[in-house]
Structures are given as C-alpha cells and as structure tokens.
Amino acid sequence: MRVSAEMCRKQQAIQSNIAESDPLENRRNIAKAAAKAWGKEALDADKRAAREQKRQAELSKATLSDEISDFDTRAKSDAG
C-alpha cells in the first residue's frame, strides 16, 4: 500500500514531537530516526504523485489526439 505525502508528513510531525519531548533518550533517538524516515517517504510520495499526474496528462493528451484523428477520419469519409 502506498501512503500519501500528507499522511507521511503527519507521521513525521508526530515523531518529531516525540523526539523533542520524550523523557527517555532511547525513545527520542528512535523517534528522530522515524521522523527522518517519514520525511524521506513523504518526498518519495511526492515524486510518485508527480509521475502519476504527468502520466495521466500524457494519457489524456493521447486520448484526445486519437479522438480528433477519429473525428477527422469520419468527417473525410462522410464528405467523400
């Protein structure tokens, strides 16, 4: 399952808060590492979303181009 960048950033904030406020050093260290990992995952999620958006735009453009081509072909056959 892929997680959204928004969810990753929420988790990063939670872990950052724990890293700053937990009384136990070990838990602070674990939370720091978790916050860093969530931050990296957020960046990865942003990249995935951008690729998907680009792919969808290219697909829409190709579909529109095909529809225009089909319309032109039908118009020429009807005219001829």
Protein backbone atom coordinates (compact mmCIF):
# COMPACT_ATOMS: atom_id res chain seq x y z
CA MET A 1 0.00 0.00 0.00
CA ARG A 2 1.32 3.42 -0.93
CA VAL A 3 0.83 6.21 1.53
CA SER A 4 0.19 9.83 0.69
CA ALA A 5 2.73 12.57 1.28
CA GLU A 6 0.22 14.25 3.58
CA MET A 7 -0.01 11.18 5.81
CA CYS A 8 3.77 10.86 5.85
CA ARG A 9 4.18 14.46 6.93
CA LYS A 10 1.64 14.00 9.72
CA GLN A 11 3.58 10.99 10.97
CA GLN A 12 6.83 12.92 10.62
CA ALA A 13 5.40 15.72 12.78
CA ILE A 14 4.20 13.23 15.41
CA GLN A 15 7.61 11.56 15.57
CA SER A 16 9.41 14.91 15.62
CA ASN A 17 7.28 15.97 18.56
CA ILE A 18 8.14 12.75 20.39
CA ALA A 19 11.83 13.25 19.55
CA GLU A 20 11.73 16.69 21.15
CA SER A 21 9.64 15.92 24.20
CA ASP A 22 10.01 12.31 25.31
CA PRO A 23 11.81 11.99 28.64
CA LEU A 24 13.65 8.83 27.56
CA GLU A 25 16.71 9.29 25.36
CA ASN A 26 16.28 5.94 23.63
CA ARG A 27 12.72 6.80 22.56
CA ARG A 28 13.87 10.25 21.42
CA ASN A 29 16.54 8.62 19.24
CA ILE A 30 14.06 6.16 17.77
CA ALA A 31 11.58 8.96 17.11
CA LYS A 32 14.28 11.05 15.38
CA ALA A 33 15.06 8.14 13.08
CA ALA A 34 11.36 7.56 12.44
CA ALA A 35 10.79 11.25 11.65
CA LYS A 36 13.66 11.17 9.18
CA ALA A 37 12.25 8.04 7.53
CA TRP A 38 8.75 9.56 7.30
CA GLY A 39 10.26 12.68 5.74
CA LYS A 40 12.02 10.60 3.10
CA GLU A 41 8.82 8.67 2.42
CA ALA A 42 6.94 11.98 2.01
CA LEU A 43 9.42 13.07 -0.66
CA ASP A 44 9.08 9.71 -2.39
CA ALA A 45 5.29 10.01 -2.27
CA ASP A 46 5.52 13.50 -3.81
CA LYS A 47 7.65 12.10 -6.64
CA ARG A 48 5.21 9.23 -7.22
CA ALA A 49 2.28 11.64 -7.31
CA ALA A 50 4.08 13.92 -9.79
CA ARG A 51 4.89 10.96 -12.06
CA GLU A 52 1.29 9.77 -11.90
CA GLN A 53 -0.03 13.25 -12.67
CA LYS A 54 2.34 13.51 -15.64
CA ARG A 55 1.32 10.05 -16.85
CA GLN A 56 -2.37 10.94 -16.59
CA ALA A 57 -1.81 14.19 -18.52
CA GLU A 58 0.04 12.33 -21.28
CA LEU A 59 -2.69 9.71 -21.42
CA SER A 60 -5.38 12.39 -21.67
CA LYS A 61 -3.44 14.14 -24.43
CA ALA A 62 -3.02 10.88 -26.36
CA THR A 63 -6.71 10.03 -25.95
CA LEU A 64 -7.74 13.48 -27.16
CA SER A 65 -5.39 13.19 -30.12
CA ASP A 66 -6.90 9.80 -31.03
CA GLU A 67 -10.43 11.21 -30.76
CA ILE A 68 -9.55 14.14 -33.03
CA SER A 69 -7.96 11.77 -35.53
CA ASP A 70 -11.03 9.52 -35.48
CA PHE A 71 -13.31 12.55 -35.97
CA ASP A 72 -11.21 13.77 -38.92
CA THR A 73 -11.29 10.32 -40.50
CA ARG A 74 -15.08 10.09 -40.14
CA ALA A 75 -15.55 13.62 -41.48
CA LYS A 76 -13.44 12.83 -44.55
CA SER A 77 -15.30 9.58 -45.24
CA ASP A 78 -18.68 11.32 -44.85
CA ALA A 79 -17.62 14.11 -47.20
CA GLY A 80 -16.25 11.81 -49.84
